[in-house]
N, C-alpha and C. Protein backbone atom coordinates (compact mmCIF):
# COMPACT_ATOMS: atom_id res chain seq x y z
N MET A 1 114.73 -71.72 -31.89
CA MET A 1 114.94 -70.75 -31.16
C MET A 1 116.09 -70.83 -29.97
N ILE A 2 116.32 -69.80 -29.16
CA ILE A 2 117.40 -70.36 -28.17
C ILE A 2 117.06 -69.88 -26.82
N TYR A 3 117.05 -69.76 -25.80
CA TYR A 3 117.19 -69.34 -24.47
C TYR A 3 117.90 -69.19 -23.76
N ALA A 4 118.18 -68.06 -23.79
CA ALA A 4 119.77 -67.49 -22.69
C ALA A 4 119.13 -67.09 -21.52
N ASP A 5 120.17 -67.57 -20.71
CA ASP A 5 119.43 -66.73 -18.90
C ASP A 5 119.91 -65.67 -19.07
N SER A 6 119.51 -64.78 -17.96
CA SER A 6 120.04 -63.35 -17.86
C SER A 6 121.46 -63.15 -17.39
N SER A 7 122.32 -64.15 -17.03
CA SER A 7 123.85 -63.91 -17.14
C SER A 7 124.18 -64.19 -18.40
N PHE A 8 123.69 -64.25 -19.09
CA PHE A 8 124.14 -64.39 -20.97
C PHE A 8 123.84 -63.24 -21.42
N LEU A 9 122.71 -63.09 -21.24
CA LEU A 9 122.25 -61.25 -21.52
C LEU A 9 123.12 -60.17 -20.97
N ALA A 10 123.30 -60.15 -20.10
CA ALA A 10 123.78 -59.23 -19.06
C ALA A 10 125.82 -59.51 -19.80
N SER A 11 126.18 -60.24 -19.76
CA SER A 11 127.28 -60.39 -20.31
C SER A 11 127.32 -59.99 -22.07
N HIS A 12 126.72 -59.53 -22.32
CA HIS A 12 126.39 -59.07 -23.57
C HIS A 12 127.01 -57.57 -23.63
N TYR A 13 126.17 -56.54 -22.14
CA TYR A 13 125.78 -55.44 -22.06
C TYR A 13 127.11 -54.84 -20.90
N LEU A 14 127.57 -55.47 -20.39
CA LEU A 14 128.76 -55.66 -19.08
C LEU A 14 129.58 -56.33 -19.67
N GLN A 15 131.17 -55.65 -19.50
CA GLN A 15 132.39 -56.37 -19.92
C GLN A 15 132.39 -57.44 -18.59
N ASP A 16 132.58 -58.80 -18.81
CA ASP A 16 133.27 -59.86 -17.87
C ASP A 16 134.15 -60.76 -18.18
N ALA A 17 133.85 -61.48 -17.91
CA ALA A 17 135.10 -63.23 -18.35
C ALA A 17 134.27 -63.64 -19.44
N HIS A 18 132.62 -63.60 -19.60
CA HIS A 18 132.14 -63.93 -20.78
C HIS A 18 131.83 -63.47 -21.84
N SER A 19 131.92 -61.96 -21.59
CA SER A 19 131.49 -61.21 -23.09
C SER A 19 131.91 -61.51 -24.42
N THR A 20 133.62 -62.09 -24.27
CA THR A 20 134.08 -62.50 -25.70
C THR A 20 133.26 -63.62 -26.42
N GLU A 21 132.99 -64.72 -25.30
CA GLU A 21 131.90 -65.83 -26.16
C GLU A 21 130.72 -65.60 -26.09
N VAL A 22 130.09 -64.02 -25.41
CA VAL A 22 128.68 -64.01 -26.26
C VAL A 22 128.73 -63.15 -27.46
N ASP A 23 129.86 -62.54 -27.86
CA ASP A 23 130.06 -61.52 -28.90
C ASP A 23 130.20 -62.77 -29.67
N ARG A 24 131.18 -64.16 -29.86
CA ARG A 24 131.20 -64.88 -30.78
C ARG A 24 130.24 -65.65 -31.12
N ARG A 25 129.18 -66.11 -30.16
CA ARG A 25 127.76 -66.54 -30.18
C ARG A 25 126.54 -65.47 -30.80
N MET A 26 127.13 -64.28 -30.36
CA MET A 26 125.90 -63.11 -31.24
C MET A 26 126.73 -62.94 -32.53
N ALA A 27 127.56 -63.26 -32.65
CA ALA A 27 127.74 -63.35 -34.28
C ALA A 27 126.92 -63.84 -35.66
N ALA A 28 126.72 -65.06 -35.11
CA ALA A 28 125.81 -65.75 -36.17
C ALA A 28 124.56 -65.52 -35.81
N GLN A 29 124.06 -64.50 -35.19
CA GLN A 29 122.52 -63.59 -35.03
C GLN A 29 121.66 -64.74 -35.05
N PRO A 30 121.65 -65.40 -33.93
CA PRO A 30 120.73 -66.28 -33.44
C PRO A 30 119.50 -66.03 -32.92
N GLN A 31 118.44 -66.37 -33.06
CA GLN A 31 116.88 -66.07 -32.23
C GLN A 31 116.85 -66.45 -30.98
N ILE A 32 117.09 -65.28 -29.67
CA ILE A 32 116.82 -65.77 -28.38
C ILE A 32 115.97 -64.86 -28.07
N TRP A 33 115.03 -65.78 -27.35
CA TRP A 33 114.09 -65.29 -26.26
C TRP A 33 114.44 -64.16 -25.31
N LEU A 34 113.54 -63.32 -25.41
CA LEU A 34 113.28 -62.21 -24.25
C LEU A 34 112.15 -62.38 -23.60
N THR A 35 112.50 -62.65 -22.34
CA THR A 35 110.97 -62.10 -21.38
C THR A 35 111.20 -61.23 -20.20
N GLN A 36 109.80 -60.53 -20.20
CA GLN A 36 109.95 -59.25 -18.79
C GLN A 36 110.97 -60.06 -17.82
N PHE A 37 110.83 -61.35 -17.46
CA PHE A 37 112.01 -61.90 -16.28
C PHE A 37 113.16 -60.86 -16.90
N HIS A 38 113.30 -61.59 -17.94
CA HIS A 38 115.05 -61.14 -18.02
C HIS A 38 115.43 -59.73 -18.35
N ALA A 39 114.33 -58.80 -18.23
CA ALA A 39 114.69 -57.49 -18.45
C ALA A 39 114.43 -56.83 -16.80
N VAL A 40 113.93 -57.27 -15.71
CA VAL A 40 113.93 -57.44 -14.62
C VAL A 40 115.80 -58.19 -14.20
N GLU A 41 115.74 -59.18 -14.59
CA GLU A 41 117.20 -59.54 -14.16
C GLU A 41 118.38 -58.59 -14.86
N VAL A 42 118.14 -57.87 -15.82
CA VAL A 42 119.17 -57.10 -16.78
C VAL A 42 119.66 -56.09 -15.82
N SER A 43 118.05 -55.49 -15.75
CA SER A 43 118.21 -53.98 -15.09
C SER A 43 118.56 -54.17 -13.72
N HIS A 44 118.50 -55.28 -12.70
CA HIS A 44 119.29 -55.31 -11.65
C HIS A 44 121.05 -55.97 -11.76
N ALA A 45 121.29 -56.52 -12.97
CA ALA A 45 122.70 -56.55 -12.76
C ALA A 45 123.37 -55.65 -13.61
N ILE A 46 122.96 -53.99 -14.40
CA ILE A 46 123.53 -53.44 -14.96
C ILE A 46 123.54 -52.21 -13.59
N PHE A 47 122.14 -52.08 -12.70
CA PHE A 47 122.45 -50.94 -11.90
C PHE A 47 123.14 -52.09 -10.51
N LEU A 48 123.15 -52.88 -10.13
CA LEU A 48 123.99 -53.12 -9.55
C LEU A 48 125.68 -53.00 -9.34
N HIS A 49 125.75 -52.93 -10.26
CA HIS A 49 127.04 -52.30 -10.85
C HIS A 49 127.55 -51.06 -10.42
N VAL A 50 126.39 -50.15 -10.24
CA VAL A 50 126.29 -48.88 -9.83
C VAL A 50 126.90 -48.68 -8.08
N PHE A 51 126.23 -49.82 -7.90
CA PHE A 51 126.39 -50.09 -6.43
C PHE A 51 127.86 -50.63 -6.06
N PHE A 52 128.35 -51.50 -6.77
CA PHE A 52 129.78 -51.79 -6.30
C PHE A 52 130.44 -50.99 -7.35
N LYS A 53 130.38 -49.79 -7.61
CA LYS A 53 131.10 -48.90 -8.01
C LYS A 53 132.13 -49.04 -9.21
N LYS A 54 131.26 -50.13 -10.18
CA LYS A 54 132.03 -50.68 -11.48
C LYS A 54 131.62 -49.79 -12.65
N LEU A 55 130.37 -49.20 -12.27
CA LEU A 55 129.80 -48.17 -13.28
C LEU A 55 128.97 -46.88 -12.60
N SER A 56 129.12 -45.67 -13.51
CA SER A 56 128.41 -44.63 -12.83
C SER A 56 126.91 -44.64 -12.88
N ARG A 57 126.25 -43.91 -12.22
CA ARG A 57 124.94 -43.85 -12.57
C ARG A 57 124.79 -43.70 -14.36
N GLY A 58 125.13 -42.63 -14.75
CA GLY A 58 125.11 -42.02 -15.99
C GLY A 58 125.68 -43.26 -17.11
N ASP A 59 126.86 -43.79 -16.44
CA ASP A 59 127.12 -44.99 -17.80
C ASP A 59 125.88 -46.62 -17.21
N ALA A 60 125.54 -46.67 -16.20
CA ALA A 60 124.24 -48.10 -16.14
C ALA A 60 123.29 -47.24 -16.85
N ALA A 61 123.06 -46.25 -17.17
CA ALA A 61 121.39 -45.32 -17.72
C ALA A 61 121.82 -45.36 -19.33
N LEU A 62 123.12 -45.72 -19.90
CA LEU A 62 123.12 -45.62 -20.84
C LEU A 62 123.42 -47.48 -21.68
N VAL A 63 123.91 -47.90 -20.38
CA VAL A 63 123.88 -49.59 -20.46
C VAL A 63 122.56 -49.66 -21.20
N TRP A 64 121.55 -49.39 -19.94
CA TRP A 64 120.11 -49.57 -19.91
C TRP A 64 119.36 -49.43 -21.25
N ASP A 65 119.72 -48.31 -21.42
CA ASP A 65 119.27 -47.37 -22.75
C ASP A 65 119.04 -48.66 -24.42
N CYS A 66 120.72 -49.08 -23.87
CA CYS A 66 121.33 -49.69 -25.23
C CYS A 66 120.40 -51.18 -24.93
N PHE A 67 120.48 -51.65 -24.15
CA PHE A 67 119.30 -53.07 -24.05
C PHE A 67 118.00 -52.87 -24.52
N ASN A 68 117.33 -51.27 -23.96
CA ASN A 68 116.24 -51.11 -24.56
C ASN A 68 115.94 -51.13 -25.94
N GLN A 69 117.57 -50.31 -26.24
CA GLN A 69 117.42 -49.83 -28.35
C GLN A 69 117.41 -51.36 -28.51
N ASP A 70 118.12 -52.46 -28.44
CA ASP A 70 118.21 -53.90 -28.73
C ASP A 70 117.03 -54.56 -28.76
N ARG A 71 116.31 -54.47 -27.48
CA ARG A 71 114.76 -55.04 -27.53
C ARG A 71 113.49 -54.57 -28.34
N ALA A 72 113.72 -53.10 -28.67
CA ALA A 72 112.87 -52.47 -29.82
C ALA A 72 113.16 -52.68 -31.33
N SER A 73 114.37 -53.02 -31.20
CA SER A 73 114.86 -53.18 -33.22
C SER A 73 114.86 -54.76 -33.16
N GLY A 74 114.89 -55.43 -31.62
CA GLY A 74 114.66 -57.10 -32.24
C GLY A 74 115.69 -58.22 -32.23
N VAL A 75 116.65 -57.43 -31.80
CA VAL A 75 118.26 -58.17 -30.85
C VAL A 75 117.52 -59.36 -30.49
N TRP A 76 116.50 -59.37 -29.90
CA TRP A 76 116.09 -60.40 -28.75
C TRP A 76 114.70 -60.66 -29.22
N VAL A 77 114.05 -61.55 -28.89
CA VAL A 77 112.59 -62.12 -29.54
C VAL A 77 111.68 -62.23 -28.34
N SER A 78 110.90 -60.89 -27.97
CA SER A 78 110.04 -60.64 -27.13
C SER A 78 109.11 -61.60 -26.87
N THR A 79 108.87 -62.03 -25.95
CA THR A 79 107.72 -63.27 -25.16
C THR A 79 106.81 -62.45 -24.23
N ASP A 80 106.13 -63.32 -23.86
CA ASP A 80 105.51 -63.06 -22.23
C ASP A 80 106.18 -64.13 -21.94
N LEU A 81 105.97 -64.97 -20.75
CA LEU A 81 105.98 -65.95 -19.65
C LEU A 81 105.38 -66.72 -20.51
N PRO A 82 105.63 -68.41 -20.29
CA PRO A 82 104.39 -69.13 -20.97
C PRO A 82 103.89 -69.53 -19.68
N GLN A 83 102.14 -69.70 -20.28
CA GLN A 83 101.56 -70.23 -19.01
C GLN A 83 102.11 -71.38 -17.78
N GLY A 84 102.48 -72.52 -18.33
CA GLY A 84 103.24 -73.18 -17.53
C GLY A 84 104.21 -73.41 -16.98
N PHE A 85 104.85 -71.86 -17.06
CA PHE A 85 105.79 -71.68 -16.24
C PHE A 85 106.40 -71.77 -14.64
N TRP A 86 104.75 -71.30 -14.19
CA TRP A 86 105.51 -71.81 -12.85
C TRP A 86 105.10 -73.12 -12.03
N GLU A 87 104.14 -74.02 -13.10
CA GLU A 87 104.27 -75.29 -12.14
C GLU A 87 105.25 -75.91 -13.04
N SER A 88 106.00 -75.73 -13.81
CA SER A 88 107.22 -76.53 -14.50
C SER A 88 108.25 -76.21 -13.63
N GLY A 89 108.06 -75.01 -12.71
CA GLY A 89 109.13 -74.67 -12.14
C GLY A 89 109.55 -75.44 -10.71
N ILE A 90 107.88 -75.53 -10.41
CA ILE A 90 107.85 -76.52 -9.31
C ILE A 90 108.32 -78.12 -9.23
N ASP A 91 107.91 -78.38 -10.58
CA ASP A 91 107.94 -79.48 -10.64
C ASP A 91 109.76 -79.88 -10.69
N LEU A 92 110.44 -78.93 -11.52
CA LEU A 92 111.92 -79.22 -11.87
C LEU A 92 112.18 -79.17 -10.07
N ALA A 93 112.11 -78.55 -9.33
CA ALA A 93 112.71 -78.49 -8.25
C ALA A 93 112.37 -79.39 -7.47
N ARG A 94 111.37 -80.33 -7.67
CA ARG A 94 110.83 -81.44 -6.74
C ARG A 94 111.66 -82.29 -7.41
N ARG A 95 112.11 -82.67 -8.65
CA ARG A 95 112.86 -83.71 -9.62
C ARG A 95 114.28 -83.52 -9.23
N TYR A 96 114.68 -82.43 -8.98
CA TYR A 96 116.27 -81.94 -9.57
C TYR A 96 116.59 -81.30 -8.41
N GLY A 97 115.82 -80.88 -7.49
CA GLY A 97 116.55 -80.43 -6.12
C GLY A 97 117.06 -80.87 -5.03
N PRO A 98 116.86 -81.91 -4.87
CA PRO A 98 117.74 -83.11 -3.83
C PRO A 98 118.79 -83.35 -4.60
N THR A 99 118.87 -83.54 -5.87
CA THR A 99 120.19 -83.75 -6.23
C THR A 99 120.93 -83.27 -6.73
N LEU A 100 120.71 -81.85 -7.00
CA LEU A 100 121.46 -81.01 -8.05
C LEU A 100 121.55 -79.32 -7.40
N GLY A 101 120.81 -79.44 -6.75
CA GLY A 101 121.37 -78.11 -5.32
C GLY A 101 120.71 -76.95 -6.10
N ILE A 102 119.61 -77.26 -6.96
CA ILE A 102 119.11 -75.71 -7.61
C ILE A 102 118.78 -74.69 -6.88
N ARG A 103 118.71 -73.83 -7.41
CA ARG A 103 117.95 -72.57 -6.74
C ARG A 103 116.47 -71.62 -7.90
N THR A 104 115.71 -70.98 -6.93
CA THR A 104 114.68 -71.08 -7.78
C THR A 104 114.86 -70.16 -8.70
N LEU A 105 115.95 -69.57 -9.37
CA LEU A 105 116.13 -68.74 -10.66
C LEU A 105 116.78 -69.58 -11.38
N ASP A 106 117.29 -71.03 -11.10
CA ASP A 106 117.92 -71.92 -11.65
C ASP A 106 116.25 -72.56 -12.37
N SER A 107 115.53 -72.64 -11.64
CA SER A 107 114.69 -73.82 -11.91
C SER A 107 113.63 -72.85 -12.55
N LEU A 108 113.48 -71.48 -12.62
CA LEU A 108 112.35 -70.55 -13.14
C LEU A 108 113.50 -70.28 -14.73
N HIS A 109 114.65 -70.38 -15.35
CA HIS A 109 114.88 -70.14 -16.50
C HIS A 109 114.75 -71.33 -17.18
N VAL A 110 115.12 -72.26 -16.66
CA VAL A 110 114.98 -73.60 -16.89
C VAL A 110 113.44 -73.80 -17.00
N ALA A 111 112.23 -73.79 -16.82
CA ALA A 111 111.28 -73.84 -16.79
C ALA A 111 110.40 -73.27 -18.25
N CYS A 112 111.18 -71.78 -18.45
CA CYS A 112 110.57 -71.14 -18.94
C CYS A 112 111.20 -71.34 -20.38
N ALA A 113 112.44 -72.11 -20.48
CA ALA A 113 112.95 -72.71 -21.74
C ALA A 113 112.48 -73.86 -22.23
N LEU A 114 112.19 -74.76 -21.20
CA LEU A 114 111.13 -75.91 -21.61
C LEU A 114 109.50 -75.61 -22.23
N GLU A 115 109.16 -74.26 -21.54
CA GLU A 115 107.30 -74.11 -21.54
C GLU A 115 107.80 -73.64 -23.11
N LEU A 116 108.60 -72.61 -23.60
CA LEU A 116 108.90 -72.08 -24.52
C LEU A 116 109.19 -73.13 -25.91
N LYS A 117 109.72 -74.20 -25.73
CA LYS A 117 109.95 -75.09 -26.66
C LYS A 117 111.62 -74.84 -27.06
N ALA A 118 112.41 -74.35 -26.49
CA ALA A 118 113.64 -73.56 -26.84
C ALA A 118 114.26 -74.86 -27.74
N ILE A 119 115.09 -74.84 -28.43
CA ILE A 119 116.14 -76.18 -28.87
C ILE A 119 117.51 -75.91 -28.35
N ARG A 120 117.60 -74.42 -27.42
CA ARG A 120 118.82 -74.60 -27.01
C ARG A 120 119.10 -73.58 -25.75
N PHE A 121 119.56 -73.74 -24.87
CA PHE A 121 119.74 -73.02 -23.46
C PHE A 121 120.88 -72.62 -23.48
N TRP A 122 121.55 -71.16 -23.36
CA TRP A 122 122.92 -70.87 -23.05
C TRP A 122 122.57 -70.36 -21.71
N THR A 123 123.83 -70.26 -20.63
CA THR A 123 124.32 -70.06 -19.31
C THR A 123 125.86 -70.22 -19.27
N PHE A 124 125.91 -69.09 -18.45
CA PHE A 124 127.15 -69.24 -18.04
C PHE A 124 127.36 -70.16 -16.34
N ASP A 125 126.17 -70.48 -16.11
CA ASP A 125 126.00 -70.70 -14.89
C ASP A 125 126.07 -72.10 -14.44
N ASP A 126 126.86 -72.99 -13.90
CA ASP A 126 127.16 -74.15 -13.99
C ASP A 126 125.90 -74.71 -13.13
N ARG A 127 125.67 -75.06 -12.46
CA ARG A 127 124.37 -75.40 -11.86
C ARG A 127 123.09 -74.86 -12.65
N GLN A 128 123.09 -74.11 -13.59
CA GLN A 128 121.87 -73.94 -14.15
C GLN A 128 121.69 -75.03 -15.55
N ALA A 129 123.29 -74.82 -15.85
CA ALA A 129 123.78 -75.87 -17.14
C ALA A 129 123.03 -77.13 -16.85
N ARG A 130 123.26 -77.71 -15.51
CA ARG A 130 123.71 -79.07 -15.47
C ARG A 130 121.48 -79.48 -15.52
N LEU A 131 121.41 -78.48 -14.63
CA LEU A 131 119.79 -78.77 -14.66
C LEU A 131 119.49 -78.66 -16.34
N ALA A 132 119.42 -77.51 -16.53
CA ALA A 132 119.01 -77.73 -18.10
C ALA A 132 119.46 -78.75 -18.84
N GLU A 133 120.53 -80.00 -18.91
CA GLU A 133 120.76 -80.24 -19.53
C GLU A 133 120.23 -82.20 -19.09
N ALA A 134 119.53 -81.96 -17.47
CA ALA A 134 119.23 -82.85 -17.09
C ALA A 134 117.80 -82.95 -17.73
N ALA A 135 117.12 -81.70 -17.93
CA ALA A 135 115.95 -82.07 -18.21
C ALA A 135 115.62 -81.70 -19.81
N GLY A 136 116.91 -82.03 -20.24
CA GLY A 136 116.62 -82.38 -21.81
C GLY A 136 117.12 -81.05 -22.67
N LEU A 137 117.27 -80.29 -22.20
CA LEU A 137 117.53 -79.10 -23.13
C LEU A 137 118.92 -79.46 -23.38
N ASP A 138 119.59 -78.69 -24.74
CA ASP A 138 120.90 -78.62 -25.60
C ASP A 138 121.94 -77.40 -25.23
N THR A 139 122.58 -77.66 -24.01
CA THR A 139 123.15 -76.56 -23.72
C THR A 139 124.53 -75.75 -24.85
N SER A 140 124.69 -76.68 -26.09
CA SER A 140 126.32 -76.36 -26.50
C SER A 140 125.80 -74.87 -27.28
N ALA A 141 127.17 -74.37 -27.69
CA ALA A 141 127.08 -73.44 -28.14
C ALA A 141 126.47 -73.39 -29.64
């Protein structure tokens, strides 16, 4: 199982500099965890595009519908947030915050991956990748 952060997921639905790489990785039909945490972040990514006038409200609604169709059809493996998620995030902040300068969302994504026992962690965020690697996760494609 793979844990992909929301930047990876958003790049699947919103054309950006990483979309081609997402398409390449998704061609292998990997099993990727999806939590409600992801859904909240993907919704923000989509609808922020309206604010920045990159998408109309109607187009954003279509992108959101596509994301939800993929959720329903099993493109992503839906799961609840794991029980130890919050404490693991605190532990990561204490251990790596002073040396890596991680943010809350970095620690929460990596904590979720660790608690779900993901075998791989995909992100386009360099700071998050450094944290994932420091915590023992494989960030290779």
